[in-house]
Amino acid sequence: MTYLPVALTIAGTDPSGGAGIMADLKSFQARDVYGMAVVTSLVAQNTRGVQLIEHVSNQMLEAQLDSVFSDIKPQAVKTGMLATTEIMEIIQPYLKKLDCPYVLDPVMVATSGDTLIDSSARDYLKTNLLPLATIITPNLPEAEEIVGFSIHDPEDMQRAGRLILKEFGPQSVVIKGGHLEGGAKDFLFTKEEQFVWESPRIQTCHTHGTGCTFAAVITAELAKGRSLYQAVDKAKAFITKAIQDAPQLGHGSGPVNHTTFKD
């Protein structure tokens, strides 16, 4: 009998395939994990931006969640685009019952700059979902939104990471420093430890879906039973290679390559 770890993503769509649940499922597959997906919002988007968003009905969202959790048990769960308070209120009871790692990607703005979440939902996310997370994966703008101050350098990143752990209650946080000048520096903060990854900046516009992919690989690795450090370390290596070998698609911020990383 073949065993596959199982990971679930709860997020929005991307018909161009670079972000959202499409990127998540590709990432799960690339890491030899069986992927499942619950759709929160239908997003008409491509490498140039977001054209239209429609949220699934409350009934459909709840039905999808029931379909998954009543049948196939995930070993890790990721949430991405949760655009409204109403969506989060439906999902939160399912997250509270989890007995597996929960990866929260606090998706707020698309790579193109388009807003993906309303202001009341941001408050609900911080108050009601962050405390449930095993790890959250904000980029710098998202971390700034959570902590309420600007992040200009690695010292600010460290202050933000410690504040998020103390004030909002996730078990850990990885803050991605891709928006800083210079090399890419990412910090992982847990209650006991702090780790940092440094890599040269890759000069490219092909970064569509990088946040989704990074968080999805962490989810896949946690589903396999890896430690937080091991999961983030693998995700960092995966996304670096995926950006380096981006397939040069689209007329805007192109997608990354989910097939290129090998252990």
Protein backbone atom coordinates (compact mmCIF):
# COMPACT_ATOMS: atom_id res chain seq x y z
CA MET A 1 0.00 0.00 0.00
CA THR A 2 1.33 3.44 -0.95
CA TYR A 3 1.16 6.14 1.72
CA LEU A 4 1.04 9.82 0.84
CA PRO A 5 0.93 12.64 3.38
CA VAL A 6 -2.12 14.86 2.84
CA ALA A 7 -2.22 18.68 2.84
CA LEU A 8 -5.23 20.97 2.47
CA THR A 9 -5.25 24.52 1.13
CA ILE A 10 -8.13 26.93 1.75
CA ALA A 11 -7.72 29.92 -0.55
CA GLY A 12 -8.70 31.72 -3.76
CA THR A 13 -8.13 30.72 -7.36
CA ASP A 14 -5.84 31.92 -10.14
CA PRO A 15 -6.85 30.88 -13.68
CA SER A 16 -3.37 31.81 -14.93
CA GLY A 17 -1.96 29.12 -12.63
CA GLY A 18 0.70 31.10 -10.80
CA ALA A 19 -0.86 31.81 -7.42
CA GLY A 20 -3.66 30.74 -5.09
CA ILE A 21 -4.79 27.15 -4.84
CA MET A 22 -3.26 26.40 -8.24
CA ALA A 23 0.21 27.26 -6.94
CA ASP A 24 -0.51 25.42 -3.70
CA LEU A 25 -1.52 22.18 -5.40
CA LYS A 26 1.51 22.32 -7.71
CA SER A 27 3.75 22.83 -4.68
CA PHE A 28 2.16 19.93 -2.79
CA GLN A 29 2.61 17.67 -5.81
CA ALA A 30 6.24 18.75 -6.24
CA ARG A 31 6.91 17.76 -2.62
CA ASP A 32 5.23 14.34 -2.96
CA VAL A 33 2.20 15.30 -0.90
CA TYR A 34 -1.44 14.61 -1.79
CA GLY A 35 -3.15 17.98 -2.16
CA MET A 36 -6.74 19.01 -1.46
CA ALA A 37 -8.29 22.45 -1.97
CA VAL A 38 -11.27 24.40 -0.67
CA VAL A 39 -12.07 27.48 -2.77
CA THR A 40 -12.96 30.67 -0.88
CA SER A 41 -13.04 33.11 -3.80
CA LEU A 42 -13.00 32.92 -7.57
CA VAL A 43 -10.37 35.39 -8.71
CA ALA A 44 -9.98 36.51 -12.31
CA GLN A 45 -6.29 37.39 -12.30
CA ASN A 46 -3.17 37.01 -14.38
CA THR A 47 0.41 38.27 -14.38
CA ARG A 48 -0.85 41.83 -14.99
CA GLY A 49 -3.23 42.06 -12.06
CA VAL A 50 -6.63 41.20 -10.63
CA GLN A 51 -9.61 41.81 -12.88
CA LEU A 52 -12.57 40.51 -10.82
CA ILE A 53 -13.26 38.71 -7.54
CA GLU A 54 -16.36 36.73 -6.62
CA HIS A 55 -16.63 34.96 -3.28
CA VAL A 56 -18.27 31.54 -3.12
CA SER A 57 -21.53 31.40 -1.19
CA ASN A 58 -21.47 30.65 2.52
CA GLN A 59 -23.34 27.42 1.82
CA MET A 60 -20.81 26.30 -0.79
CA LEU A 61 -17.83 27.19 1.40
CA GLU A 62 -19.20 25.23 4.34
CA ALA A 63 -20.13 22.30 2.10
CA GLN A 64 -16.58 22.10 0.74
CA LEU A 65 -15.14 22.12 4.25
CA ASP A 66 -17.55 19.41 5.36
CA SER A 67 -16.75 17.33 2.27
CA VAL A 68 -13.05 17.35 3.05
CA PHE A 69 -13.03 16.99 6.82
CA SER A 70 -15.70 14.26 6.87
CA ASP A 71 -13.69 12.04 4.54
CA ILE A 72 -9.93 12.62 4.17
CA LYS A 73 -7.89 13.78 7.15
CA PRO A 74 -5.14 16.29 6.32
CA GLN A 75 -1.77 16.17 8.07
CA ALA A 76 -1.36 19.94 7.57
CA VAL A 77 -3.64 22.82 6.55
CA LYS A 78 -2.82 26.12 4.86
CA THR A 79 -5.02 29.18 4.47
CA GLY A 80 -4.35 31.84 1.87
CA MET A 81 -6.81 34.42 0.56
CA LEU A 82 -9.62 34.86 3.10
CA ALA A 83 -11.12 38.07 1.78
CA THR A 84 -13.97 38.84 4.18
CA THR A 85 -14.83 38.49 7.85
CA GLU A 86 -17.76 36.28 6.86
CA ILE A 87 -15.44 33.80 5.12
CA MET A 88 -13.16 33.69 8.17
CA GLU A 89 -16.08 33.20 10.55
CA ILE A 90 -17.15 30.11 8.60
CA ILE A 91 -13.63 28.66 8.47
CA GLN A 92 -12.53 29.44 12.04
CA PRO A 93 -14.46 26.64 13.82
CA TYR A 94 -12.84 24.07 11.51
CA LEU A 95 -9.39 25.51 12.25
CA LYS A 96 -10.03 25.40 16.01
CA LYS A 97 -10.68 21.66 15.78
CA LEU A 98 -7.45 20.87 13.93
CA ASP A 99 -4.99 18.41 15.46
CA CYS A 100 -2.37 19.05 12.77
CA PRO A 101 -0.12 22.00 11.83
CA TYR A 102 -1.88 25.09 10.49
CA VAL A 103 0.06 27.42 8.16
CA LEU A 104 -1.47 30.89 7.84
CA ASP A 105 -0.37 32.93 4.84
CA PRO A 106 -1.86 36.37 5.63
CA VAL A 107 -2.64 37.23 2.01
CA MET A 108 -3.61 40.90 1.81
CA VAL A 109 -2.23 42.27 -1.46
CA ALA A 110 -1.52 40.56 -4.79
CA THR A 111 1.95 40.75 -6.34
CA SER A 112 0.45 43.28 -8.76
CA GLY A 113 -0.55 45.54 -5.86
CA ASP A 114 -4.28 44.80 -5.94
CA THR A 115 -5.98 44.55 -2.53
CA LEU A 116 -7.37 41.08 -1.74
CA ILE A 117 -8.89 41.57 1.73
CA ASP A 118 -11.12 44.22 3.31
CA SER A 119 -10.16 46.20 6.42
CA SER A 120 -12.58 44.52 8.85
CA ALA A 121 -11.30 41.12 7.72
CA ARG A 122 -7.73 42.21 8.53
CA ASP A 123 -8.78 42.88 12.11
CA TYR A 124 -10.60 39.55 12.40
CA LEU A 125 -7.57 37.74 10.98
CA LYS A 126 -5.26 39.27 13.57
CA THR A 127 -7.59 38.66 16.51
CA ASN A 128 -9.14 35.28 15.72
CA LEU A 129 -6.94 33.35 13.28
CA LEU A 130 -3.35 34.26 14.16
CA PRO A 131 -3.62 32.66 17.63
CA LEU A 132 -4.58 29.34 15.99
CA ALA A 133 -1.58 29.18 13.64
CA THR A 134 1.42 26.90 13.93
CA ILE A 135 3.26 29.38 11.71
CA ILE A 136 2.37 32.54 9.82
CA THR A 137 4.28 33.63 6.70
CA PRO A 138 3.96 37.40 6.13
CA ASN A 139 6.03 39.39 3.68
CA LEU A 140 7.14 42.84 4.82
CA PRO A 141 3.96 44.76 3.85
CA GLU A 142 1.83 42.10 5.55
CA ALA A 143 4.03 42.13 8.66
CA GLU A 144 3.76 45.93 8.75
CA GLU A 145 -0.03 45.67 8.58
CA ILE A 146 -0.04 43.23 11.50
CA VAL A 147 2.33 45.12 13.81
CA GLY A 148 1.37 48.67 12.85
CA PHE A 149 4.83 50.10 12.15
CA SER A 150 7.15 50.37 9.15
CA ILE A 151 9.90 47.80 8.63
CA HIS A 152 13.04 49.22 7.05
CA ASP A 153 15.83 46.83 8.04
CA PRO A 154 16.60 43.44 9.65
CA GLU A 155 16.41 45.00 13.13
CA ASP A 156 12.83 46.08 12.43
CA MET A 157 12.07 42.57 11.17
CA GLN A 158 13.29 41.10 14.44
CA ARG A 159 11.24 43.57 16.47
CA ALA A 160 8.16 42.75 14.39
CA GLY A 161 8.65 39.01 14.75
CA ARG A 162 8.92 39.17 18.52
CA LEU A 163 5.89 41.47 18.73
CA ILE A 164 3.74 39.16 16.60
CA LEU A 165 4.56 36.19 18.82
CA LYS A 166 3.84 38.15 21.99
CA GLU A 167 0.74 40.09 20.96
CA PHE A 168 -1.04 37.81 18.49
CA GLY A 169 -0.16 34.33 19.70
CA PRO A 170 0.93 32.15 16.76
CA GLN A 171 3.44 29.44 17.65
CA SER A 172 5.94 30.85 15.15
CA VAL A 173 6.34 33.43 12.39
CA VAL A 174 8.59 33.60 9.35
CA ILE A 175 8.98 37.12 7.98
CA LYS A 176 10.15 37.27 4.39
CA GLY A 177 12.54 40.11 3.61
CA GLY A 178 12.24 40.13 -0.16
CA HIS A 179 10.98 43.72 -0.16
CA LEU A 180 14.12 45.03 1.58
CA GLU A 181 17.00 46.51 -0.37
CA GLY A 182 20.01 44.24 -0.86
CA GLY A 183 20.01 40.48 -0.39
CA ALA A 184 16.98 38.43 0.60
CA LYS A 185 16.94 37.85 4.36
CA ASP A 186 14.20 35.77 6.00
CA PHE A 187 13.72 35.35 9.75
CA LEU A 188 11.98 32.48 11.56
CA PHE A 189 10.89 33.24 15.11
CA THR A 190 9.62 30.65 17.58
CA LYS A 191 8.96 31.08 21.29
CA GLU A 192 12.45 29.71 22.05
CA GLU A 193 14.62 30.30 18.97
CA GLN A 194 15.38 32.58 16.05
CA PHE A 195 16.83 31.59 12.68
CA VAL A 196 17.87 33.59 9.64
CA TRP A 197 18.36 32.70 5.96
CA GLU A 198 20.31 34.93 3.61
CA SER A 199 20.55 34.64 -0.16
CA PRO A 200 21.55 36.96 -3.02
CA ARG A 201 18.71 38.95 -4.56
CA ILE A 202 17.50 37.55 -7.89
CA GLN A 203 16.84 40.38 -10.33
CA THR A 204 13.56 39.36 -11.94
CA CYS A 205 9.95 40.43 -12.39
CA HIS A 206 8.77 36.82 -12.30
CA THR A 207 7.52 36.61 -8.73
CA HIS A 208 3.79 35.96 -9.15
CA GLY A 209 2.67 33.47 -6.51
CA THR A 210 5.94 33.36 -4.56
CA GLY A 211 4.20 33.85 -1.22
CA CYS A 212 1.63 31.14 -1.93
CA THR A 213 4.32 28.73 -3.08
CA PHE A 214 6.61 29.38 -0.11
CA ALA A 215 3.80 28.78 2.40
CA ALA A 216 2.56 25.72 0.50
CA VAL A 217 5.97 24.05 0.62
CA ILE A 218 6.12 24.69 4.37
CA THR A 219 2.68 23.07 4.64
CA ALA A 220 3.78 20.06 2.60
CA GLU A 221 6.89 19.54 4.71
CA LEU A 222 4.95 19.84 7.96
CA ALA A 223 2.49 17.26 6.60
CA LYS A 224 5.47 14.91 6.32
CA GLY A 225 6.31 15.46 9.97
CA ARG A 226 9.26 17.79 9.43
CA SER A 227 10.21 20.38 12.05
CA LEU A 228 9.44 24.07 11.55
CA TYR A 229 13.10 24.78 10.79
CA GLN A 230 13.29 21.92 8.27
CA ALA A 231 10.06 23.04 6.60
CA VAL A 232 11.11 26.67 6.23
CA ASP A 233 14.61 25.66 5.11
CA LYS A 234 13.15 23.48 2.35
CA ALA A 235 10.69 26.18 1.32
CA LYS A 236 13.48 28.75 1.07
CA ALA A 237 15.53 26.46 -1.19
CA PHE A 238 12.46 25.56 -3.26
CA ILE A 239 11.32 29.14 -3.89
CA THR A 240 14.84 30.35 -4.69
CA LYS A 241 15.20 27.70 -7.40
CA ALA A 242 11.64 28.30 -8.62
CA ILE A 243 12.37 32.01 -9.12
CA GLN A 244 15.76 31.35 -10.74
CA ASP A 245 14.16 29.01 -13.29
CA ALA A 246 10.96 31.01 -13.86
CA PRO A 247 9.41 30.07 -17.23
CA GLN A 248 9.15 33.64 -18.61
CA LEU A 249 5.37 33.54 -19.07
CA GLY A 250 2.91 36.41 -19.28
CA HIS A 251 3.23 40.13 -19.86
CA GLY A 252 3.53 41.23 -16.23
CA SER A 253 4.86 39.66 -13.04
CA GLY A 254 5.28 36.11 -14.31
CA PRO A 255 4.88 32.85 -12.39
CA VAL A 256 7.66 30.78 -10.87
CA ASN A 257 8.68 27.24 -11.84
CA HIS A 258 7.16 24.61 -9.55
CA THR A 259 8.89 21.71 -11.32
CA THR A 260 12.54 22.62 -11.11
CA PHE A 261 13.61 22.01 -7.48
CA LYS A 262 15.08 18.58 -6.70
CA ASP A 263 16.33 17.34 -3.33
